[in-house]
Protein backbone atom coordinates (compact mmCIF):
# COMPACT_ATOMS: atom_id res chain seq x y z
CA MET A 1 114.49 45.53 43.08
CA MET A 2 116.15 47.50 40.32
CA PHE A 3 113.21 49.64 39.20
CA SER A 4 111.57 52.84 40.27
CA LYS A 5 108.22 52.30 41.99
CA ARG A 6 107.39 55.89 41.07
CA THR A 7 107.70 54.96 37.43
CA PHE A 8 106.50 51.36 37.50
CA GLY A 9 103.03 51.94 38.88
CA LEU A 10 101.62 48.70 37.51
CA ILE A 11 104.56 46.57 38.52
CA ALA A 12 104.28 47.65 42.15
CA ILE A 13 100.71 46.41 42.60
CA ALA A 14 101.24 45.54 46.26
CA ALA A 15 98.55 47.89 47.54
CA ALA A 16 95.81 45.45 46.60
CA LEU A 17 97.43 42.05 46.87
CA THR A 18 98.51 40.44 50.13
CA LEU A 19 101.27 37.95 49.46
CA ASN A 20 103.57 36.35 51.98
CA GLY A 21 106.71 38.20 50.94
CA CYS A 22 109.31 37.79 48.26
CA LEU A 23 111.36 34.74 47.39
CA GLU A 24 115.04 34.63 46.49
CA ILE A 25 115.57 32.47 43.41
CA GLU A 26 119.07 31.56 42.28
CA THR A 27 119.71 29.33 39.28
CA THR A 28 123.10 27.86 38.43
CA THR A 29 123.83 25.98 35.22
CA VAL A 30 127.01 23.93 34.96
CA VAL A 31 128.19 23.18 31.41
CA ARG A 32 130.39 20.08 31.25
CA GLY A 33 133.17 19.16 28.89
CA ASP A 34 131.00 16.50 27.21
CA GLY A 35 128.47 19.22 26.26
CA THR A 36 125.78 18.28 28.78
CA VAL A 37 124.51 20.61 31.49
CA THR A 38 123.16 20.37 35.02
CA ARG A 39 120.87 23.07 36.36
CA THR A 40 120.32 23.79 40.04
CA VAL A 41 117.54 26.04 41.29
CA ILE A 42 117.61 27.26 44.88
CA VAL A 43 114.47 28.99 46.18
CA THR A 44 114.65 30.62 49.61
CA GLY A 45 111.78 32.21 51.52
CA ASP A 46 108.43 31.56 53.14
CA SER A 47 107.38 27.92 53.22
CA SER A 48 103.87 28.48 51.83
CA SER A 49 105.14 30.72 49.01
CA ILE A 50 107.58 28.02 47.94
CA SER A 51 105.04 25.20 48.15
CA GLU A 52 102.50 27.25 46.18
CA GLY A 53 105.02 27.71 43.38
CA ARG A 54 105.38 31.48 43.66
CA HIS A 55 108.91 31.19 42.32
CA LEU A 56 107.02 30.96 38.98
CA LEU A 57 109.57 28.63 37.39
CA SER A 58 108.68 25.41 35.58
CA LEU A 59 109.89 22.71 37.97
CA ASP A 60 107.95 19.54 37.32
CA THR A 61 108.27 16.16 39.04
CA THR A 62 111.27 15.16 36.89
CA TRP A 63 113.47 17.50 38.96
CA ARG A 64 115.25 16.04 41.98
CA ARG A 65 113.99 18.07 44.94
CA ASP A 66 115.12 18.73 48.48
CA PHE A 67 112.94 20.91 50.73
CA ARG A 68 114.28 21.87 54.12
CA LYS A 69 114.19 24.54 56.80
CA LYS A 70 117.10 26.93 56.36
CA ASP A 71 116.75 29.05 59.50
CA GLU A 72 114.12 30.31 61.92
CA ARG A 73 112.21 32.27 59.26
CA ASN A 74 113.16 30.79 55.90
CA TYR A 75 112.84 27.52 54.05
CA GLU A 76 114.84 26.36 51.07
CA LEU A 77 113.93 24.34 48.01
CA VAL A 78 116.80 22.86 45.99
CA ALA A 79 115.83 21.42 42.59
CA VAL A 80 118.38 19.75 40.30
CA LYS A 81 118.13 18.29 36.81
CA SER A 82 120.63 17.30 34.09
CA PHE A 83 120.09 17.71 30.36
CA GLU A 84 121.70 16.05 27.35
CA ASP A 85 120.72 18.63 24.73
CA PRO A 86 119.01 22.05 24.32
CA GLY A 87 115.74 20.50 23.15
CA GLU A 88 115.36 18.50 26.34
CA MET A 89 116.21 21.52 28.47
CA ASN A 90 113.84 23.85 26.60
CA GLU A 91 111.00 21.40 27.03
CA SER A 92 111.60 21.38 30.79
CA LEU A 93 111.97 25.18 31.14
CA ARG A 94 109.07 26.08 28.85
CA GLY A 95 106.62 28.38 30.63
CA THR A 96 102.95 29.22 30.26
CA LYS A 97 102.16 32.87 29.64
CA GLY A 98 100.63 34.46 32.72
CA THR A 99 101.43 31.43 34.89
CA THR A 100 105.15 30.62 34.79
CA LEU A 101 108.26 32.24 33.37
CA ASP A 102 109.31 31.10 29.93
CA ILE A 103 113.04 30.37 29.47
CA ARG A 104 114.90 29.30 26.32
CA VAL A 105 118.44 27.96 26.08
CA ASP A 106 120.99 26.93 23.47
CA PHE A 107 124.30 25.29 24.27
CA GLY A 108 126.92 23.12 22.65
CA LYS A 109 130.56 22.74 21.73
CA GLN A 110 132.80 22.86 18.65
CA PHE A 111 136.08 21.02 18.27
CA TYR A 112 139.04 23.02 16.91
CA TRP A 113 141.86 20.44 17.28
CA PHE A 114 143.98 22.10 19.96
CA PHE A 115 140.99 23.56 21.83
CA THR A 116 137.23 23.16 22.13
CA ARG A 117 134.82 26.09 22.08
CA TYR A 118 131.84 25.91 24.44
CA PHE A 119 128.88 28.27 24.16
CA TYR A 120 125.76 28.82 26.24
CA ARG A 121 122.86 31.19 25.67
CA GLU A 122 119.86 31.60 27.98
CA THR A 123 116.90 33.85 27.21
CA TRP A 124 114.25 34.82 29.74
CA ARG A 125 111.22 35.71 27.64
CA LYS A 126 109.06 38.79 28.14
CA PHE A 127 106.47 38.00 30.80
CA ASN A 128 104.19 41.06 30.62
CA PRO A 129 100.66 39.68 30.00
CA PHE A 130 99.29 43.17 29.29
CA ASP A 131 100.75 43.81 25.85
CA THR A 132 97.82 44.48 23.53
CA ILE A 133 99.16 47.93 22.67
CA PRO A 134 102.85 48.02 21.63
CA MET A 135 105.05 50.34 23.66
CA SER A 136 106.28 51.84 20.39
CA GLN A 137 102.90 53.61 20.04
CA TYR A 138 103.70 55.66 23.15
CA LEU A 139 107.50 55.82 23.30
CA SER A 140 110.24 56.18 20.72
CA PRO A 141 113.00 53.54 20.46
CA LYS A 142 115.37 56.03 22.12
CA GLU A 143 113.02 56.52 25.08
CA ILE A 144 112.52 52.76 25.46
CA GLU A 145 116.31 52.37 25.52
CA LEU A 146 116.53 55.07 28.21
CA PHE A 147 114.02 53.20 30.38
CA GLN A 148 115.91 49.97 30.04
CA LYS A 149 119.34 51.49 30.69
CA HIS A 150 118.56 53.90 33.49
CA GLU A 151 115.39 52.70 35.22
CA ILE A 152 116.14 48.97 35.05
CA LEU A 153 119.87 48.46 34.61
CA LYS A 154 120.63 51.62 36.63
CA GLU A 155 123.34 52.79 34.26
CA PRO A 156 124.44 56.40 34.85
CA PHE A 157 123.14 59.10 32.55
CA GLU A 158 125.54 60.05 29.78
CA SER A 159 124.22 63.61 29.72
CA PRO A 160 121.61 65.83 31.43
CA ASP A 161 119.59 65.65 28.21
CA ASP A 162 119.07 61.90 28.74
CA SER A 163 117.73 62.51 32.24
CA LEU A 164 115.32 65.17 31.01
CA ALA A 165 114.18 62.98 28.12
CA LEU A 166 113.42 60.16 30.53
CA GLN A 167 111.41 62.44 32.80
CA ARG A 168 109.36 63.68 29.85
CA ALA A 169 108.66 60.10 28.79
CA GLN A 170 107.41 58.93 32.19
CA GLU A 171 103.85 60.11 31.75
CA ARG A 172 103.60 58.39 28.39
CA PHE A 173 105.06 55.25 29.89
CA MET A 174 102.36 55.25 32.56
CA ALA A 175 99.76 55.94 29.89
CA TRP A 176 100.99 52.89 27.99
CA GLN A 177 100.71 50.67 31.08
CA ASN A 178 97.29 52.04 32.01
CA ARG A 179 95.97 51.59 28.49
CA ASN A 180 97.07 47.97 28.30
CA VAL A 181 95.46 47.09 31.63
CA PHE A 182 92.31 48.87 30.51
CA GLU A 183 92.22 46.97 27.21
CA ASP A 184 92.35 43.65 29.04
CA PHE A 185 89.71 44.65 31.57
CA TYR A 186 87.51 46.18 28.87
CA ALA A 187 87.66 43.02 26.73
CA GLU A 188 86.47 40.89 29.66
CA PHE A 189 83.76 43.44 30.49
CA LEU A 190 82.53 43.39 26.90
CA ASN A 191 82.37 39.60 27.00
CA GLY A 192 80.31 39.86 30.18
CA VAL A 193 77.91 42.31 28.53
CA LYS A 194 77.47 39.98 25.57
CA ALA A 195 76.85 37.02 27.87
CA LEU A 196 74.31 39.07 29.86
CA ALA A 197 72.31 39.62 26.67
CA ASP A 198 70.20 42.40 28.17
CA PRO A 199 68.79 44.90 25.63
CA SER A 200 69.20 47.75 28.10
CA LEU A 201 72.98 47.35 27.99
CA THR A 202 74.29 46.15 24.64
CA ALA A 203 77.83 45.58 23.43
CA GLU A 204 77.27 48.22 20.76
CA ASP A 205 76.41 50.82 23.40
CA VAL A 206 79.55 49.97 25.36
CA GLU A 207 81.79 50.09 22.30
CA THR A 208 80.65 53.58 21.38
CA ARG A 209 81.69 54.81 24.85
CA LYS A 210 85.02 52.99 25.06
CA GLU A 211 87.21 56.10 25.14
CA GLU A 212 84.95 57.75 27.68
CA LEU A 213 85.29 54.66 29.88
CA PHE A 214 89.06 54.76 29.60
CA GLU A 215 89.24 58.44 30.54
CA GLY A 216 87.01 57.75 33.52
CA VAL A 217 89.14 54.96 34.97
CA GLU A 218 92.71 55.73 33.86
CA ASN A 219 93.66 57.33 37.18
CA LEU A 220 92.07 54.46 39.10
CA ILE A 221 94.14 51.93 37.14
CA GLU A 222 97.30 53.90 37.88
CA VAL A 223 96.71 53.66 41.65
CA ASN A 224 95.52 50.05 41.30
CA ALA A 225 91.95 50.70 42.38
CA ILE A 226 90.82 47.93 40.06
CA ASP A 227 87.91 46.82 42.26
CA THR A 228 86.17 50.16 41.70
CA LEU A 229 86.16 49.88 37.90
CA PRO A 230 82.81 48.02 37.54
CA ARG A 231 81.00 50.69 39.58
CA VAL A 232 82.65 53.50 37.60
CA PHE A 233 81.73 51.75 34.36
CA GLY A 234 78.15 51.58 35.64
CA ALA A 235 78.14 55.29 36.50
CA ILE A 236 79.49 56.28 33.09
CA LEU A 237 77.10 53.97 31.24
CA ARG A 238 74.29 54.88 33.63
CA SER A 239 73.42 51.23 34.07
CA PRO A 240 73.42 49.02 37.18
CA LEU A 241 73.99 46.09 34.84
CA ALA A 242 77.72 46.87 34.63
CA VAL A 243 78.32 45.04 37.91
CA GLU A 244 76.13 42.16 36.69
CA ALA A 245 78.20 41.93 33.49
CA VAL A 246 81.32 41.44 35.60
CA LYS A 247 79.61 38.67 37.56
CA LYS A 248 78.42 37.07 34.33
CA ASN A 249 82.02 36.74 33.14
CA ALA A 250 83.49 35.63 36.45
CA ALA A 251 85.99 33.30 34.75
CA GLY A 252 87.29 36.08 32.51
CA PHE A 253 87.78 38.49 35.38
CA GLU A 254 89.51 35.77 37.39
CA ARG A 255 91.99 35.47 34.50
CA PHE A 256 92.46 39.24 34.62
CA ARG A 257 93.05 39.18 38.37
CA ARG A 258 95.56 36.36 37.98
CA LYS A 259 97.49 38.35 35.38
CA MET A 260 97.76 41.27 37.78
CA GLU A 261 98.89 38.94 40.54
CA PHE A 262 101.38 37.22 38.22
CA VAL A 263 103.17 40.49 37.45
CA GLN A 264 103.49 41.40 41.10
CA GLU A 265 104.67 37.97 42.17
CA ILE A 266 107.47 38.12 39.61
CA MET A 267 108.53 41.62 40.57
CA GLU A 268 108.45 40.82 44.29
CA ASN A 269 110.89 37.95 43.84
CA SER A 270 114.65 38.31 43.45
CA TYR A 271 116.12 36.37 40.51
CA LYS A 272 119.79 35.58 40.00
CA ASN A 273 121.33 33.44 37.30
CA ALA A 274 124.82 31.95 37.02
CA VAL A 275 126.60 29.75 34.49
CA VAL A 276 129.77 27.73 35.09
CA MET A 277 131.73 26.91 31.94
CA PRO A 278 134.56 24.48 31.21
CA GLY A 279 137.89 26.15 30.41
CA LEU A 280 138.47 29.90 30.32
CA ILE A 281 135.79 32.52 29.69
CA VAL A 282 136.54 34.35 26.43
CA GLU A 283 133.31 36.27 25.86
CA THR A 284 130.14 37.08 27.83
CA ASN A 285 127.58 39.82 28.42
CA ALA A 286 127.47 39.01 32.14
CA PRO A 287 128.23 41.92 34.49
CA ALA A 288 130.11 39.63 36.90
CA ILE A 289 132.89 37.14 36.12
CA GLU A 290 134.64 35.03 38.73
CA GLY A 291 137.00 32.44 37.28
CA ASN A 292 134.93 30.26 34.97
CA ARG A 293 131.65 31.41 36.55
CA VAL A 294 129.55 34.28 35.20
CA SER A 295 126.39 35.71 36.78
CA TRP A 296 123.54 38.13 36.24
CA ASP A 297 121.58 39.79 39.08
CA ASP A 298 118.38 41.86 39.20
CA PHE A 299 117.53 41.46 35.52
CA ILE A 300 113.90 40.46 35.89
CA ALA A 301 112.47 43.97 35.39
CA TYR A 302 114.02 44.02 31.93
CA CYS A 303 111.82 41.05 31.02
CA TYR A 304 108.74 43.22 31.55
CA PHE A 305 109.70 45.04 28.34
CA GLY A 306 111.23 42.26 26.27
CA ASP A 307 113.44 39.19 26.15
CA TYR A 308 116.63 39.24 28.22
CA GLU A 309 119.49 37.25 26.71
CA MET A 310 122.46 35.97 28.70
CA THR A 311 125.44 34.62 26.75
CA VAL A 312 128.83 33.16 27.58
CA GLU A 313 131.58 31.45 25.60
CA SER A 314 134.65 29.59 26.82
CA ARG A 315 137.61 27.68 25.44
CA ALA A 316 139.35 24.64 26.88
CA VAL A 317 142.67 23.25 25.70
CA ASN A 318 142.50 19.69 24.39
CA TRP A 319 145.59 18.51 26.26
CA LEU A 320 145.40 14.95 24.97
CA VAL A 321 145.46 16.24 21.40
CA VAL A 322 148.31 18.61 22.29
CA VAL A 323 150.31 15.76 23.83
CA LEU A 324 149.61 13.35 20.98
CA THR A 325 150.39 16.01 18.39
CA GLY A 326 153.57 16.90 20.22
CA ALA A 327 154.55 13.23 20.45
CA PHE A 328 153.81 12.82 16.75
CA CYS A 329 155.96 15.84 15.90
CA VAL A 330 158.77 14.58 18.11
CA ALA A 331 158.52 11.16 16.48
CA ILE A 332 158.79 12.73 13.04
CA LEU A 333 161.72 14.85 14.17
CA VAL A 334 163.46 11.82 15.67
CA PHE A 335 162.80 9.82 12.51
CA TYR A 336 164.22 12.67 10.43
CA ILE A 337 167.32 12.99 12.63
CA VAL A 338 167.91 9.24 12.76
CA GLY A 339 167.45 9.05 9.01
CA ASN A 340 170.01 11.81 8.46
CA ILE A 341 172.47 10.13 10.82
CA ARG A 342 172.11 6.85 8.95
CA LYS A 343 172.58 8.58 5.62
CA ARG A 344 175.72 10.31 6.83
CA ARG A 345 177.04 7.06 8.28
CA LYS A 346 176.46 5.22 5.02
CA SER A 347 178.06 8.04 3.05
CA ARG A 348 181.12 7.97 5.33
CA GLU A 349 181.40 4.19 5.09
CA GLY A 350 181.20 4.38 1.30
CA PHE A 351 183.89 7.05 1.19
CA GLU A 352 186.20 4.99 3.39
CA ASN A 353 185.78 1.92 1.20
């Protein structure tokens, strides 16, 4: 994956979760001359991971599916669906936060007489479920840009100063991640305390010690020792009811656990996206272009920070219009020439008479 595990402590949660390995997900969208599109999703990997939907894409029963064994160790799911318009496609690709990836598209064509312009835009929405605290409270826009360019997209540093600036920002980046995980855990804990309704441990008591609780567990969050947090909360609050509060809000803490698992499942998988356009490619932000096919690889880490937009535009010559226009022009020219010949002939005949 294109991210630094040293930097992305939360993203690399693997120490606590035991999944069956990563999946390779490749999506290909073919834009046709009539403006419709067909999307193919190929998921390769462990059979159980595929059947359990760990590709995390919205593929409902309206997709045509083919599941088969690819080789001795891997299985392959091929899902195909055609769409008439962006609205239909967006409805099918719409995700649920913390459960499936959310993808938005826009596509269409414009007629310009001798050629037709085709455009396609696909946006993979930010998937990070731990976003209570904006990153801007910990990092400047310049530092966020450095993370995206050098830690995710792996672009080379323009100067040594950029490298040093990124190193200085790493601790604050980890602090931002840790704080957001804490805020989510703390909110569920507080709900558990309220549901417990025990006067020896009130929500007011917990709220007054919030910052102390964060300081006590920040390092544990960074190393993903999440299971120890209830006991540490109990030690700081000096109350055995902390563990009971967690049990009281079992549903809330299951949601929290699922969020943690969701992030890792996404980051364990490999996502690739390709678009095939009619005509010639004239503009795109894709790093790879091969004929009328453009593709993006290893972009998923970017979606942890924000939306990732993929765009492509092509032009196709309207040969029928060109031929008809040419024929029309030739017909006019012939008519003009024939008319001139007839005029000259009549003039000559009149002169002779």
